[in-house]
Amino acid sequence: MTSQNPNDENSVILSPSYRLPILIILIGLLFLISPFHPWPSILISSFGFFLLLQSFTLKLKFTNDDLIVMQLGKELRRFPFKNWIAWRILLPQLPGFLYFREEASPHLLPILFDVNSLEEQLRLRVKDLEIEKAVESSKSKT
């Protein structure tokens, strides 16, 4: 996790994680031994290389009020926390997804960042909006 722009003393920019793209590239390469090769291998590996490129170029920046998606240092999209309804990290053991819902629409982002840093920043900034896992909530009822 890298941090701090002098102008935004409480901002944090997450470090990229290359787990998901590399895993997808490896799965694509495993398809070389399938009877259908090379097409599944080319398609899956191409998607993995696309995600790898995204890992190098996309950054998530957390400020006190917003989650900002940046590409090559330029702001692509700003998600103000005041518009958030809920969030959850899906499949955190694997390279998973960040689900969050704003008043206008839901969003699902592949986690191309360190999942622990992502979860830490979300809990720090919007903890009360975290969706509990169904298993945990069903255990608490019994």
N, C-alpha and C. Protein backbone atom coordinates (compact mmCIF):
# COMPACT_ATOMS: atom_id res chain seq x y z
N MET A 1 0.86 -1.16 0.00
CA MET A 1 0.00 0.00 0.00
C MET A 1 0.90 1.22 0.00
N THR A 2 0.72 2.05 -0.99
CA THR A 2 1.43 3.31 -1.00
C THR A 2 0.48 4.36 -0.51
N SER A 3 1.02 5.47 -0.16
CA SER A 3 0.15 6.41 0.50
C SER A 3 0.57 7.82 0.21
N GLN A 4 -0.27 8.66 0.63
CA GLN A 4 -0.09 10.06 0.88
C GLN A 4 0.45 10.91 -0.27
N ASN A 5 -0.45 11.63 -0.77
CA ASN A 5 -0.16 12.77 -1.61
C ASN A 5 -0.10 13.94 -0.64
N PRO A 6 0.88 14.83 -0.73
CA PRO A 6 0.94 15.91 0.24
C PRO A 6 -0.35 16.73 0.31
N ASN A 7 -1.09 16.81 -0.78
CA ASN A 7 -2.34 17.57 -0.79
C ASN A 7 -3.46 16.84 -0.05
N ASP A 8 -3.42 15.51 -0.05
CA ASP A 8 -4.43 14.69 0.62
C ASP A 8 -3.74 13.89 1.71
N GLU A 9 -3.69 14.43 2.92
CA GLU A 9 -2.92 13.76 3.96
C GLU A 9 -3.53 12.44 4.40
N ASN A 10 -4.83 12.23 4.22
CA ASN A 10 -5.46 10.98 4.61
C ASN A 10 -5.77 10.07 3.43
N SER A 11 -5.21 10.35 2.27
CA SER A 11 -5.48 9.50 1.11
C SER A 11 -4.51 8.33 1.08
N VAL A 12 -5.00 7.22 0.54
CA VAL A 12 -4.20 6.00 0.42
C VAL A 12 -4.41 5.44 -0.97
N ILE A 13 -3.32 5.08 -1.64
CA ILE A 13 -3.39 4.42 -2.94
C ILE A 13 -2.95 2.98 -2.73
N LEU A 14 -3.80 2.04 -3.11
CA LEU A 14 -3.50 0.63 -2.90
C LEU A 14 -2.46 0.13 -3.89
N SER A 15 -1.59 -0.74 -3.39
CA SER A 15 -0.60 -1.39 -4.24
C SER A 15 -1.28 -2.48 -5.06
N PRO A 16 -0.82 -2.68 -6.29
CA PRO A 16 -1.44 -3.72 -7.12
C PRO A 16 -1.06 -5.12 -6.66
N SER A 17 -1.92 -6.06 -6.97
CA SER A 17 -1.65 -7.47 -6.74
C SER A 17 -1.80 -8.16 -8.10
N TYR A 18 -0.84 -8.96 -8.45
CA TYR A 18 -0.84 -9.60 -9.76
C TYR A 18 -1.35 -11.04 -9.69
N ARG A 19 -1.93 -11.45 -8.55
CA ARG A 19 -2.38 -12.83 -8.37
C ARG A 19 -3.43 -13.24 -9.38
N LEU A 20 -4.50 -12.45 -9.52
CA LEU A 20 -5.60 -12.81 -10.41
C LEU A 20 -5.15 -12.92 -11.86
N PRO A 21 -4.46 -11.93 -12.43
CA PRO A 21 -4.06 -12.06 -13.83
C PRO A 21 -3.11 -13.24 -14.07
N ILE A 22 -2.17 -13.45 -13.15
CA ILE A 22 -1.23 -14.56 -13.34
C ILE A 22 -1.95 -15.89 -13.24
N LEU A 23 -2.89 -16.01 -12.31
CA LEU A 23 -3.68 -17.24 -12.19
C LEU A 23 -4.45 -17.52 -13.48
N ILE A 24 -5.06 -16.51 -14.05
CA ILE A 24 -5.83 -16.70 -15.29
C ILE A 24 -4.91 -17.06 -16.45
N ILE A 25 -3.75 -16.44 -16.52
CA ILE A 25 -2.78 -16.78 -17.58
C ILE A 25 -2.35 -18.24 -17.44
N LEU A 26 -2.08 -18.68 -16.21
CA LEU A 26 -1.68 -20.07 -15.98
C LEU A 26 -2.80 -21.04 -16.35
N ILE A 27 -4.03 -20.69 -16.02
CA ILE A 27 -5.17 -21.54 -16.40
C ILE A 27 -5.25 -21.62 -17.93
N GLY A 28 -5.05 -20.49 -18.59
CA GLY A 28 -5.04 -20.49 -20.05
C GLY A 28 -3.96 -21.39 -20.62
N LEU A 29 -2.78 -21.36 -20.01
CA LEU A 29 -1.69 -22.21 -20.49
C LEU A 29 -2.00 -23.69 -20.25
N LEU A 30 -2.72 -23.99 -19.17
CA LEU A 30 -3.11 -25.38 -18.91
C LEU A 30 -4.04 -25.92 -20.00
N PHE A 31 -4.77 -25.04 -20.63
CA PHE A 31 -5.67 -25.47 -21.70
C PHE A 31 -4.90 -25.90 -22.95
N LEU A 32 -3.60 -25.67 -22.98
CA LEU A 32 -2.80 -26.15 -24.12
C LEU A 32 -2.83 -27.67 -24.22
N ILE A 33 -3.05 -28.34 -23.09
CA ILE A 33 -3.09 -29.80 -23.12
C ILE A 33 -4.50 -30.33 -23.44
N SER A 34 -5.46 -29.43 -23.60
CA SER A 34 -6.82 -29.86 -23.93
C SER A 34 -6.91 -30.22 -25.41
N PRO A 35 -7.91 -31.03 -25.78
CA PRO A 35 -8.04 -31.40 -27.19
C PRO A 35 -8.49 -30.25 -28.08
N PHE A 36 -8.93 -29.14 -27.48
CA PHE A 36 -9.43 -28.01 -28.25
C PHE A 36 -8.38 -26.94 -28.49
N HIS A 37 -7.15 -27.18 -28.02
CA HIS A 37 -6.16 -26.11 -28.11
C HIS A 37 -5.96 -25.70 -29.54
N PRO A 38 -5.53 -24.54 -29.85
CA PRO A 38 -5.03 -23.48 -28.96
C PRO A 38 -6.09 -22.44 -28.61
N TRP A 39 -7.32 -22.55 -29.13
CA TRP A 39 -8.28 -21.46 -28.95
C TRP A 39 -8.66 -21.15 -27.51
N PRO A 40 -9.03 -22.13 -26.69
CA PRO A 40 -9.33 -21.78 -25.29
C PRO A 40 -8.12 -21.17 -24.59
N SER A 41 -6.96 -21.71 -24.89
CA SER A 41 -5.73 -21.19 -24.27
C SER A 41 -5.48 -19.74 -24.68
N ILE A 42 -5.68 -19.44 -25.94
CA ILE A 42 -5.47 -18.07 -26.44
C ILE A 42 -6.47 -17.11 -25.81
N LEU A 43 -7.74 -17.51 -25.76
CA LEU A 43 -8.78 -16.64 -25.21
C LEU A 43 -8.57 -16.37 -23.71
N ILE A 44 -8.35 -17.43 -22.95
CA ILE A 44 -8.20 -17.28 -21.50
C ILE A 44 -6.92 -16.51 -21.17
N SER A 45 -5.82 -16.86 -21.84
CA SER A 45 -4.56 -16.16 -21.59
C SER A 45 -4.64 -14.70 -22.00
N SER A 46 -5.35 -14.41 -23.09
CA SER A 46 -5.52 -13.01 -23.51
C SER A 46 -6.26 -12.21 -22.45
N PHE A 47 -7.29 -12.81 -21.87
CA PHE A 47 -8.01 -12.14 -20.79
C PHE A 47 -7.08 -11.91 -19.60
N GLY A 48 -6.25 -12.90 -19.29
CA GLY A 48 -5.28 -12.75 -18.19
C GLY A 48 -4.30 -11.62 -18.46
N PHE A 49 -3.82 -11.52 -19.71
CA PHE A 49 -2.90 -10.43 -20.04
C PHE A 49 -3.61 -9.07 -19.98
N PHE A 50 -4.88 -9.04 -20.36
CA PHE A 50 -5.66 -7.80 -20.23
C PHE A 50 -5.74 -7.38 -18.76
N LEU A 51 -6.03 -8.33 -17.87
CA LEU A 51 -6.09 -8.00 -16.44
C LEU A 51 -4.72 -7.61 -15.89
N LEU A 52 -3.66 -8.23 -16.42
CA LEU A 52 -2.31 -7.86 -16.00
C LEU A 52 -2.02 -6.41 -16.38
N LEU A 53 -2.41 -6.03 -17.59
CA LEU A 53 -2.25 -4.64 -18.02
C LEU A 53 -3.04 -3.71 -17.11
N GLN A 54 -4.27 -4.10 -16.75
CA GLN A 54 -5.08 -3.30 -15.85
C GLN A 54 -4.42 -3.17 -14.48
N SER A 55 -3.77 -4.25 -14.03
CA SER A 55 -3.08 -4.21 -12.74
C SER A 55 -1.97 -3.17 -12.73
N PHE A 56 -1.29 -3.04 -13.87
CA PHE A 56 -0.21 -2.06 -13.96
C PHE A 56 -0.73 -0.63 -14.09
N THR A 57 -1.88 -0.45 -14.72
CA THR A 57 -2.33 0.91 -15.02
C THR A 57 -3.38 1.46 -14.07
N LEU A 58 -4.21 0.60 -13.47
CA LEU A 58 -5.29 1.07 -12.60
C LEU A 58 -4.83 1.17 -11.15
N LYS A 59 -5.31 2.16 -10.47
CA LYS A 59 -5.04 2.35 -9.05
C LYS A 59 -6.34 2.71 -8.35
N LEU A 60 -6.49 2.25 -7.11
CA LEU A 60 -7.60 2.66 -6.26
C LEU A 60 -7.05 3.63 -5.23
N LYS A 61 -7.68 4.78 -5.15
CA LYS A 61 -7.28 5.79 -4.17
C LYS A 61 -8.44 6.02 -3.21
N PHE A 62 -8.14 5.88 -1.93
CA PHE A 62 -9.12 6.13 -0.89
C PHE A 62 -8.84 7.50 -0.29
N THR A 63 -9.86 8.34 -0.25
CA THR A 63 -9.78 9.60 0.48
C THR A 63 -10.80 9.52 1.62
N ASN A 64 -10.91 10.55 2.39
CA ASN A 64 -11.89 10.53 3.49
C ASN A 64 -13.32 10.42 2.98
N ASP A 65 -13.57 10.94 1.77
CA ASP A 65 -14.95 11.02 1.27
C ASP A 65 -15.24 10.14 0.06
N ASP A 66 -14.20 9.64 -0.63
CA ASP A 66 -14.42 8.97 -1.92
C ASP A 66 -13.50 7.78 -2.12
N LEU A 67 -13.97 6.88 -2.98
CA LEU A 67 -13.11 5.88 -3.60
C LEU A 67 -12.91 6.36 -5.02
N ILE A 68 -11.65 6.53 -5.42
CA ILE A 68 -11.34 7.07 -6.75
C ILE A 68 -10.61 5.99 -7.54
N VAL A 69 -11.10 5.70 -8.74
CA VAL A 69 -10.43 4.78 -9.65
C VAL A 69 -9.60 5.64 -10.60
N MET A 70 -8.28 5.37 -10.63
CA MET A 70 -7.37 6.15 -11.47
C MET A 70 -6.69 5.23 -12.47
N GLN A 71 -6.43 5.77 -13.65
CA GLN A 71 -5.67 5.05 -14.66
C GLN A 71 -4.54 5.94 -15.12
N LEU A 72 -3.32 5.44 -14.95
CA LEU A 72 -2.11 6.19 -15.30
C LEU A 72 -2.10 7.58 -14.68
N GLY A 73 -2.55 7.66 -13.43
CA GLY A 73 -2.52 8.91 -12.69
C GLY A 73 -3.69 9.85 -12.92
N LYS A 74 -4.57 9.51 -13.86
CA LYS A 74 -5.73 10.37 -14.14
C LYS A 74 -6.99 9.72 -13.55
N GLU A 75 -7.85 10.56 -13.01
CA GLU A 75 -9.08 10.06 -12.41
C GLU A 75 -10.04 9.56 -13.48
N LEU A 76 -10.47 8.29 -13.33
CA LEU A 76 -11.47 7.71 -14.23
C LEU A 76 -12.87 7.87 -13.67
N ARG A 77 -13.01 7.55 -12.38
CA ARG A 77 -14.33 7.55 -11.76
C ARG A 77 -14.19 7.80 -10.27
N ARG A 78 -15.14 8.52 -9.73
CA ARG A 78 -15.16 8.83 -8.30
C ARG A 78 -16.45 8.25 -7.71
N PHE A 79 -16.32 7.51 -6.62
CA PHE A 79 -17.46 6.92 -5.94
C PHE A 79 -17.54 7.51 -4.52
N PRO A 80 -18.37 8.53 -4.31
CA PRO A 80 -18.48 9.13 -2.97
C PRO A 80 -19.07 8.13 -1.97
N PHE A 81 -18.44 8.01 -0.82
CA PHE A 81 -18.92 7.08 0.21
C PHE A 81 -20.32 7.43 0.69
N LYS A 82 -20.70 8.69 0.62
CA LYS A 82 -22.04 9.08 1.09
C LYS A 82 -23.15 8.45 0.25
N ASN A 83 -22.82 8.00 -0.98
CA ASN A 83 -23.81 7.36 -1.85
C ASN A 83 -23.82 5.84 -1.72
N TRP A 84 -22.91 5.28 -0.93
CA TRP A 84 -22.81 3.83 -0.79
C TRP A 84 -23.94 3.32 0.11
N ILE A 85 -24.47 2.16 -0.27
CA ILE A 85 -25.49 1.50 0.53
C ILE A 85 -24.88 0.30 1.25
N ALA A 86 -24.02 -0.46 0.55
CA ALA A 86 -23.42 -1.66 1.12
C ALA A 86 -22.17 -2.04 0.33
N TRP A 87 -21.32 -2.89 0.95
CA TRP A 87 -20.16 -3.43 0.26
C TRP A 87 -19.83 -4.81 0.84
N ARG A 88 -19.10 -5.58 0.03
CA ARG A 88 -18.66 -6.91 0.46
C ARG A 88 -17.53 -7.38 -0.44
N ILE A 89 -16.58 -8.09 0.14
CA ILE A 89 -15.52 -8.72 -0.64
C ILE A 89 -15.93 -10.17 -0.85
N LEU A 90 -16.08 -10.56 -2.11
CA LEU A 90 -16.50 -11.91 -2.46
C LEU A 90 -15.27 -12.76 -2.78
N LEU A 91 -15.23 -13.97 -2.27
CA LEU A 91 -14.14 -14.91 -2.50
C LEU A 91 -12.77 -14.32 -2.14
N PRO A 92 -12.58 -13.86 -0.91
CA PRO A 92 -11.31 -13.22 -0.56
C PRO A 92 -10.12 -14.18 -0.56
N GLN A 93 -10.36 -15.50 -0.40
CA GLN A 93 -9.27 -16.46 -0.40
C GLN A 93 -8.67 -16.59 -1.80
N LEU A 94 -9.51 -16.50 -2.79
CA LEU A 94 -9.06 -16.52 -4.18
C LEU A 94 -8.85 -15.07 -4.59
N PRO A 95 -8.32 -14.87 -5.74
CA PRO A 95 -8.39 -13.49 -6.23
C PRO A 95 -9.87 -13.21 -6.50
N GLY A 96 -10.49 -12.44 -5.67
CA GLY A 96 -11.94 -12.29 -5.70
C GLY A 96 -12.44 -11.00 -6.30
N PHE A 97 -13.59 -10.57 -5.79
CA PHE A 97 -14.27 -9.40 -6.33
C PHE A 97 -14.70 -8.48 -5.19
N LEU A 98 -14.72 -7.20 -5.48
CA LEU A 98 -15.28 -6.21 -4.57
C LEU A 98 -16.66 -5.85 -5.11
N TYR A 99 -17.67 -6.11 -4.29
CA TYR A 99 -19.04 -5.71 -4.64
C TYR A 99 -19.39 -4.53 -3.76
N PHE A 100 -19.89 -3.47 -4.37
CA PHE A 100 -20.46 -2.39 -3.58
C PHE A 100 -21.63 -1.81 -4.33
N ARG A 101 -22.59 -1.34 -3.55
CA ARG A 101 -23.81 -0.80 -4.12
C ARG A 101 -23.93 0.66 -3.73
N GLU A 102 -24.14 1.47 -4.75
CA GLU A 102 -24.44 2.88 -4.53
C GLU A 102 -25.95 3.06 -4.66
N GLU A 103 -26.42 4.25 -4.38
CA GLU A 103 -27.85 4.52 -4.51
C GLU A 103 -28.31 4.29 -5.94
N ALA A 104 -27.48 4.60 -6.91
CA ALA A 104 -27.88 4.50 -8.32
C ALA A 104 -27.68 3.11 -8.91
N SER A 105 -26.62 2.40 -8.52
CA SER A 105 -26.33 1.13 -9.18
C SER A 105 -25.33 0.29 -8.39
N PRO A 106 -25.34 -1.04 -8.64
CA PRO A 106 -24.33 -1.90 -8.03
C PRO A 106 -23.06 -1.93 -8.88
N HIS A 107 -21.93 -2.26 -8.25
CA HIS A 107 -20.65 -2.35 -8.95
C HIS A 107 -19.95 -3.63 -8.49
N LEU A 108 -19.27 -4.30 -9.42
CA LEU A 108 -18.50 -5.49 -9.14
C LEU A 108 -17.14 -5.31 -9.79
N LEU A 109 -16.08 -5.23 -8.98
CA LEU A 109 -14.74 -5.00 -9.50
C LEU A 109 -13.85 -6.19 -9.17
N PRO A 110 -13.07 -6.70 -10.15
CA PRO A 110 -12.10 -7.73 -9.80
C PRO A 110 -11.05 -7.12 -8.87
N ILE A 111 -10.60 -7.90 -7.92
CA ILE A 111 -9.61 -7.39 -6.97
C ILE A 111 -8.23 -7.55 -7.60
N LEU A 112 -7.71 -6.45 -8.09
CA LEU A 112 -6.38 -6.40 -8.67
C LEU A 112 -5.41 -5.73 -7.70
N PHE A 113 -5.80 -5.72 -6.43
CA PHE A 113 -5.05 -5.04 -5.39
C PHE A 113 -4.91 -5.97 -4.20
N ASP A 114 -4.05 -5.62 -3.28
CA ASP A 114 -3.87 -6.41 -2.07
C ASP A 114 -5.20 -6.45 -1.31
N VAL A 115 -5.76 -7.64 -1.15
CA VAL A 115 -7.09 -7.78 -0.56
C VAL A 115 -7.12 -7.32 0.89
N ASN A 116 -6.03 -7.54 1.63
CA ASN A 116 -6.00 -7.13 3.03
C ASN A 116 -6.01 -5.61 3.16
N SER A 117 -5.24 -4.94 2.33
CA SER A 117 -5.22 -3.47 2.35
C SER A 117 -6.57 -2.91 1.91
N LEU A 118 -7.17 -3.54 0.91
CA LEU A 118 -8.48 -3.11 0.44
C LEU A 118 -9.52 -3.22 1.56
N GLU A 119 -9.55 -4.37 2.20
CA GLU A 119 -10.51 -4.59 3.28
C GLU A 119 -10.25 -3.63 4.45
N GLU A 120 -8.98 -3.41 4.77
CA GLU A 120 -8.63 -2.48 5.84
C GLU A 120 -9.15 -1.07 5.55
N GLN A 121 -8.95 -0.60 4.33
CA GLN A 121 -9.40 0.74 3.97
C GLN A 121 -10.92 0.84 3.94
N LEU A 122 -11.58 -0.20 3.45
CA LEU A 122 -13.05 -0.19 3.44
C LEU A 122 -13.61 -0.17 4.86
N ARG A 123 -13.03 -0.98 5.73
CA ARG A 123 -13.51 -1.00 7.12
C ARG A 123 -13.21 0.31 7.82
N LEU A 124 -12.11 0.93 7.49
CA LEU A 124 -11.77 2.21 8.10
C LEU A 124 -12.75 3.30 7.67
N ARG A 125 -13.17 3.26 6.40
CA ARG A 125 -13.96 4.36 5.85
C ARG A 125 -15.47 4.10 5.81
N VAL A 126 -15.88 2.85 5.58
CA VAL A 126 -17.32 2.53 5.47
C VAL A 126 -17.67 1.21 6.15
N LYS A 127 -17.13 0.99 7.34
CA LYS A 127 -17.32 -0.28 8.05
C LYS A 127 -18.79 -0.60 8.28
N ASP A 128 -19.58 0.38 8.64
CA ASP A 128 -20.98 0.13 8.98
C ASP A 128 -21.82 -0.33 7.80
N LEU A 129 -21.29 -0.27 6.58
CA LEU A 129 -22.04 -0.69 5.39
C LEU A 129 -21.66 -2.09 4.92
N GLU A 130 -20.74 -2.76 5.64
CA GLU A 130 -20.30 -4.09 5.23
C GLU A 130 -21.44 -5.09 5.34
N ILE A 131 -21.60 -5.92 4.30
CA ILE A 131 -22.62 -6.96 4.29
C ILE A 131 -22.03 -8.18 5.00
N GLU A 132 -22.71 -8.66 6.02
CA GLU A 132 -22.26 -9.84 6.74
C GLU A 132 -22.46 -11.08 5.88
N LYS A 133 -21.60 -12.06 6.06
CA LYS A 133 -21.75 -13.32 5.33
C LYS A 133 -22.98 -14.05 5.85
N ALA A 134 -23.67 -14.74 4.95
CA ALA A 134 -24.90 -15.46 5.31
C ALA A 134 -24.63 -16.53 6.36
N VAL A 135 -23.48 -17.19 6.28
CA VAL A 135 -23.14 -18.25 7.22
C VAL A 135 -23.01 -17.68 8.63
N GLU A 136 -22.34 -16.55 8.75
CA GLU A 136 -22.15 -15.94 10.07
C GLU A 136 -23.48 -15.48 10.66
N SER A 137 -24.33 -14.89 9.83
CA SER A 137 -25.60 -14.39 10.36
C SER A 137 -26.54 -15.54 10.71
N SER A 138 -26.46 -16.67 9.99
CA SER A 138 -27.32 -17.80 10.33
C SER A 138 -26.85 -18.47 11.62
N LYS A 139 -25.53 -18.46 11.89
CA LYS A 139 -25.02 -19.02 13.14
C LYS A 139 -25.45 -18.18 14.33
N SER A 140 -25.51 -16.89 14.14
CA SER A 140 -25.87 -16.02 15.26
C SER A 140 -27.35 -16.15 15.63
N LYS A 141 -28.18 -16.64 14.71
CA LYS A 141 -29.60 -16.81 14.99
C LYS A 141 -29.86 -18.05 15.85
N THR A 142 -28.94 -19.04 15.78
CA THR A 142 -29.14 -20.28 16.55
C THR A 142 -28.53 -20.20 17.91
